[in-house]
Protein backbone atom coordinates (compact mmCIF):
# COMPACT_ATOMS: atom_id res chain seq x y z
CA UNK A 1 38.97 -57.76 -6.58
CA UNK A 2 36.15 -56.05 -5.58
CA UNK A 3 32.45 -57.16 -6.39
CA UNK A 4 30.68 -54.89 -8.96
CA UNK A 5 27.73 -52.42 -7.98
CA UNK A 6 25.09 -55.30 -9.58
CA UNK A 7 26.72 -58.05 -7.52
CA UNK A 8 26.98 -56.23 -4.27
CA UNK A 9 23.40 -55.58 -4.69
CA UNK A 10 22.47 -58.93 -5.20
CA UNK A 11 24.66 -59.99 -2.35
CA UNK A 12 22.74 -57.67 0.07
CA UNK A 13 19.64 -58.66 -0.68
CA UNK A 14 20.73 -62.08 -0.33
CA UNK A 15 20.64 -61.50 3.64
CA UNK A 16 17.85 -63.61 5.20
CA UNK A 17 15.42 -61.16 6.90
CA UNK A 18 13.61 -63.03 9.89
CA UNK A 19 11.21 -60.43 10.81
CA UNK A 20 8.22 -61.96 8.54
CA UNK A 21 8.82 -65.94 9.93
CA UNK A 22 9.16 -64.35 13.67
CA UNK A 23 5.88 -62.55 13.18
CA UNK A 24 4.18 -65.47 11.56
CA UNK A 25 5.92 -67.78 14.49
CA UNK A 26 4.36 -65.61 17.34
CA UNK A 27 1.36 -65.33 15.50
CA UNK A 28 0.58 -68.99 15.66
CA UNK A 29 2.09 -69.55 19.13
CA UNK A 30 0.20 -66.51 20.42
CA UNK A 31 -3.24 -68.10 18.96
CA UNK A 32 -2.53 -71.47 20.87
CA UNK A 33 -1.65 -69.87 24.43
CA UNK A 34 -4.62 -68.00 23.97
CA UNK A 35 -6.85 -70.68 23.22
CA UNK A 36 -5.23 -73.02 25.69
CA UNK A 37 -5.01 -70.67 28.49
CA UNK A 38 -8.74 -69.92 28.72
CA UNK A 39 -7.94 -66.14 29.47
CA UNK A 40 -9.18 -62.64 28.65
CA UNK A 41 -6.21 -60.73 29.68
CA UNK A 42 -2.86 -61.03 27.41
CA UNK A 43 -1.00 -60.75 31.03
CA UNK A 44 -3.21 -63.52 32.44
CA UNK A 45 -2.51 -65.35 29.67
CA UNK A 46 1.24 -65.12 29.59
CA UNK A 47 1.52 -65.55 33.34
CA UNK A 48 -0.81 -69.14 32.31
CA UNK A 49 1.94 -70.11 29.90
CA UNK A 50 4.82 -69.03 32.49
CA UNK A 51 3.44 -70.70 35.87
CA UNK A 52 0.81 -73.16 35.01
CA UNK A 53 1.22 -77.03 33.42
CA UNK A 54 0.78 -76.41 30.00
CA UNK A 55 2.71 -78.76 26.80
CA UNK A 56 5.08 -75.75 25.76
CA UNK A 57 6.33 -75.27 29.52
CA UNK A 58 6.30 -79.21 29.83
CA UNK A 59 8.15 -79.98 26.65
CA UNK A 60 10.69 -76.63 27.08
CA UNK A 61 11.92 -77.49 30.15
CA UNK A 62 13.94 -81.20 29.80
CA UNK A 63 15.56 -78.93 27.08
CA UNK A 64 17.42 -76.78 29.12
CA UNK A 65 19.11 -80.05 31.15
CA UNK A 66 23.04 -80.16 30.82
CA UNK A 67 22.63 -83.88 30.44
CA UNK A 68 20.10 -83.33 27.71
CA UNK A 69 22.10 -84.32 24.14
CA UNK A 70 19.13 -84.53 21.55
CA UNK A 71 18.55 -82.53 19.03
CA UNK A 72 16.15 -80.56 19.71
CA UNK A 73 17.99 -79.70 23.37
CA UNK A 74 20.64 -78.86 21.27
CA UNK A 75 19.35 -76.70 19.39
CA UNK A 76 17.17 -74.71 21.42
CA UNK A 77 20.24 -74.01 23.88
CA UNK A 78 22.10 -72.71 20.86
CA UNK A 79 19.24 -70.58 20.26
CA UNK A 80 19.21 -69.40 23.56
CA UNK A 81 22.87 -68.95 23.10
CA UNK A 82 22.89 -66.88 20.12
CA UNK A 83 19.33 -64.64 21.49
CA UNK A 84 21.73 -63.66 25.03
CA UNK A 85 24.44 -62.75 22.64
CA UNK A 86 22.61 -60.57 20.24
CA UNK A 87 21.00 -59.16 23.28
CA UNK A 88 24.05 -58.40 24.72
CA UNK A 89 25.84 -56.91 21.59
CA UNK A 90 23.31 -54.02 21.67
CA UNK A 91 21.22 -51.69 24.03
CA UNK A 92 17.56 -52.26 22.74
CA UNK A 93 15.09 -50.43 24.58
CA UNK A 94 11.43 -50.04 24.73
CA UNK A 95 8.79 -48.09 26.52
CA UNK A 96 6.44 -49.82 28.51
CA UNK A 97 3.40 -47.57 30.27
CA UNK A 98 6.07 -44.74 30.10
CA UNK A 99 8.98 -46.07 31.70
CA UNK A 100 12.01 -46.78 29.47
CA UNK A 101 13.13 -50.67 30.21
CA UNK A 102 16.18 -52.21 28.33
CA UNK A 103 15.23 -55.35 26.48
CA UNK A 104 17.78 -58.35 28.17
CA UNK A 105 17.97 -61.60 29.57
CA UNK A 106 20.16 -58.90 31.80
CA UNK A 107 17.24 -57.09 32.67
CA UNK A 108 14.18 -58.77 32.82
CA UNK A 109 11.06 -58.92 35.07
CA UNK A 110 9.61 -62.21 35.32
CA UNK A 111 7.06 -61.48 38.09
CA UNK A 112 5.29 -58.77 37.74
CA UNK A 113 2.73 -58.05 40.08
CA UNK A 114 -0.23 -56.17 40.50
CA UNK A 115 0.08 -53.41 43.07
CA UNK A 116 -3.59 -51.90 44.78
CA UNK A 117 -2.93 -51.36 47.81
CA UNK A 118 -0.58 -52.33 50.79
CA UNK A 119 -0.85 -51.03 54.09
CA UNK A 120 1.37 -51.40 57.35
CA UNK A 121 1.30 -49.96 60.61
CA UNK A 122 4.87 -49.25 62.41
CA UNK A 123 5.37 -47.36 65.72
CA UNK A 124 2.07 -45.90 65.50
CA UNK A 125 2.34 -44.38 61.84
CA UNK A 126 0.20 -45.58 59.13
CA UNK A 127 2.08 -46.55 55.94
CA UNK A 128 0.18 -47.05 52.76
CA UNK A 129 0.79 -47.20 48.87
CA UNK A 130 -2.36 -47.58 46.73
CA UNK A 131 -3.15 -46.96 43.17
CA UNK A 132 -5.66 -44.05 42.53
CA UNK A 133 -7.62 -43.10 39.56
CA UNK A 134 -5.72 -42.73 36.59
CA UNK A 135 -3.57 -45.86 37.49
CA UNK A 136 -1.38 -43.29 39.27
CA UNK A 137 0.40 -44.73 42.61
CA UNK A 138 -0.14 -42.35 46.39
CA UNK A 139 2.13 -42.60 48.94
CA UNK A 140 1.01 -41.87 52.44
CA UNK A 141 2.30 -41.48 55.92
CA UNK A 142 0.02 -41.22 58.49
CA UNK A 143 0.01 -40.59 62.91
CA UNK A 144 -2.23 -43.19 63.60
CA UNK A 145 -2.52 -41.67 67.38
CA UNK A 146 -3.58 -38.03 65.79
CA UNK A 147 -4.41 -38.34 61.91
CA UNK A 148 -1.54 -35.70 61.06
CA UNK A 149 -0.29 -36.55 57.42
CA UNK A 150 3.70 -36.93 57.58
CA UNK A 151 3.77 -37.62 53.58
CA UNK A 152 1.10 -37.45 50.67
CA UNK A 153 2.65 -37.90 47.34
CA UNK A 154 1.08 -39.33 43.87
CA UNK A 155 3.51 -40.32 41.00
CA UNK A 156 2.07 -41.20 37.77
CA UNK A 157 4.54 -43.97 37.27
CA UNK A 158 6.51 -46.26 40.12
CA UNK A 159 9.82 -43.61 40.39
CA UNK A 160 11.20 -44.42 43.87
CA UNK A 161 14.24 -41.76 43.31
CA UNK A 162 12.07 -39.05 42.59
CA UNK A 163 10.17 -40.19 45.39
CA UNK A 164 13.03 -40.14 47.65
CA UNK A 165 14.38 -36.88 46.79
CA UNK A 166 11.36 -34.75 48.10
CA UNK A 167 11.65 -32.77 50.54
CA UNK A 168 8.74 -33.77 52.41
CA UNK A 169 10.26 -37.54 52.24
CA UNK A 170 13.45 -35.65 53.91
CA UNK A 171 11.42 -34.51 56.37
CA UNK A 172 10.37 -37.66 57.88
CA UNK A 173 12.54 -39.51 60.63
CA UNK A 174 15.48 -41.74 59.76
CA UNK A 175 13.36 -44.37 60.96
CA UNK A 176 10.12 -43.72 59.16
CA UNK A 177 12.16 -43.21 56.16
CA UNK A 178 13.39 -46.68 56.12
CA UNK A 179 9.94 -48.46 56.76
CA UNK A 180 8.67 -46.03 53.76
CA UNK A 181 11.79 -47.25 51.40
CA UNK A 182 10.76 -50.70 52.74
CA UNK A 183 7.39 -50.70 51.67
CA UNK A 184 7.52 -49.00 48.49
CA UNK A 185 10.43 -50.96 47.21
CA UNK A 186 8.09 -54.13 47.75
CA UNK A 187 5.52 -52.31 45.50
CA UNK A 188 7.85 -52.49 42.35
CA UNK A 189 5.57 -53.57 39.73
CA UNK A 190 7.92 -54.75 37.69
CA UNK A 191 11.25 -56.16 39.81
CA UNK A 192 14.01 -56.62 37.62
CA UNK A 193 16.78 -59.43 37.65
CA UNK A 194 19.72 -60.46 35.71
CA UNK A 195 19.32 -63.86 34.68
CA UNK A 196 23.30 -64.41 33.84
CA UNK A 197 23.78 -63.23 37.95
CA UNK A 198 21.15 -63.75 40.20
CA UNK A 199 23.03 -65.80 42.45
CA UNK A 200 21.56 -68.92 41.28
CA UNK A 201 23.70 -72.39 41.32
CA UNK A 202 25.13 -72.47 37.40
CA UNK A 203 22.67 -73.16 34.85
CA UNK A 204 24.77 -74.53 31.96
CA UNK A 205 23.05 -73.69 28.77
CA UNK A 206 25.48 -74.59 25.73
CA UNK A 207 28.37 -72.27 26.28
CA UNK A 208 26.79 -69.24 28.63
CA UNK A 209 26.54 -69.79 32.48
CA UNK A 210 23.02 -68.84 33.75
CA UNK A 211 22.93 -68.31 37.18
CA UNK A 212 19.01 -68.69 37.37
CA UNK A 213 16.74 -71.78 38.08
CA UNK A 214 15.71 -73.37 34.59
CA UNK A 215 12.10 -72.17 35.58
CA UNK A 216 12.91 -68.54 35.91
CA UNK A 217 15.20 -68.96 32.16
CA UNK A 218 11.74 -70.29 30.60
CA UNK A 219 9.76 -67.46 31.85
CA UNK A 220 12.61 -64.90 30.89
CA UNK A 221 12.50 -65.71 27.26
CA UNK A 222 8.79 -65.86 27.19
CA UNK A 223 9.08 -61.97 28.74
CA UNK A 224 12.01 -60.96 26.15
CA UNK A 225 11.02 -62.49 23.34
CA UNK A 226 7.55 -61.00 23.95
CA UNK A 227 8.87 -57.59 24.80
CA UNK A 228 10.80 -57.76 21.31
CA UNK A 229 7.62 -58.98 19.43
CA UNK A 230 5.85 -55.33 20.82
CA UNK A 231 8.73 -53.25 20.43
CA UNK A 232 8.27 -54.33 16.72
CA UNK A 233 4.41 -54.21 16.73
CA UNK A 234 4.68 -50.75 17.99
CA UNK A 235 7.15 -48.98 15.86
CA UNK A 236 10.12 -48.97 18.12
CA UNK A 237 12.26 -51.29 16.65
CA UNK A 238 14.95 -49.80 14.02
CA UNK A 239 15.98 -51.27 11.16
CA UNK A 240 19.55 -51.52 12.13
CA UNK A 241 21.12 -55.15 11.12
CA UNK A 242 22.50 -55.63 14.94
CA UNK A 243 18.92 -55.20 15.75
CA UNK A 244 17.33 -57.13 13.38
CA UNK A 245 19.71 -60.05 13.94
CA UNK A 246 17.87 -60.70 17.76
CA UNK A 247 14.75 -62.12 15.22
CA UNK A 248 16.24 -65.10 13.66
CA UNK A 249 17.38 -66.76 17.44
CA UNK A 250 14.03 -65.45 18.73
CA UNK A 251 12.29 -67.19 16.24
CA UNK A 252 13.85 -70.42 16.19
CA UNK A 253 12.76 -70.26 20.16
CA UNK A 254 9.58 -69.40 19.43
CA UNK A 255 9.76 -72.49 17.01
CA UNK A 256 10.86 -74.78 19.34
CA UNK A 257 7.38 -73.93 21.52
CA UNK A 258 5.64 -74.57 18.33
CA UNK A 259 6.80 -77.88 18.48
CA UNK A 260 6.02 -78.74 21.83
CA UNK A 261 1.88 -78.45 20.71
CA UNK A 262 2.22 -79.70 16.82
């Protein structure tokens, strides 16, 4: 027996929308770590939250222990499992500083770095990667002996494949290519890792086995929920049911963070 139109309409309206609760929970959380960190820049606030002693870090880390069977631990671990599953079921992407990134615990940057100026010398050549005007990235290889410029390229954003595809890069010796690759790869401002396949001893969170430390998972959750928040506020989130489903476990995760500071 099919439902009459008005019954179907009411059933559709009965679905709980977690967008509002998530935004409010994040606003409270944001206000707390802004005050507690004493930092001015949001990136500095997040780094403080992930790495420095604080109530959320102190209260959350024990919840990730497999032997912890308290109500809070079981609820938090289930929220993490649900969050991971929701993200796995979709391929949600956002644009960060001109680069498209997937919002996922499988591709997350937990240790973003600030690229300023990196320089090494090797076999009488200088290899340099530095930030220049406009935030662009300049890559240079010069001969120390006579100052001859072997390579000079400026990128708007960090993009190794396009750099290594340049004819000028191909003109370098094999040894120089290897050294430049090593330097440039180490300068990645957003190195990505897969928290489920990171080679660390297994970390069992509910029914999901992660391969990372509890500190890495905590940092990954902060960064991933933050990316979801940004995608929503910047208009990059589509009102697709499978995408909106991610906000329910994200809300539960943030609410557990807030319980640590009440």
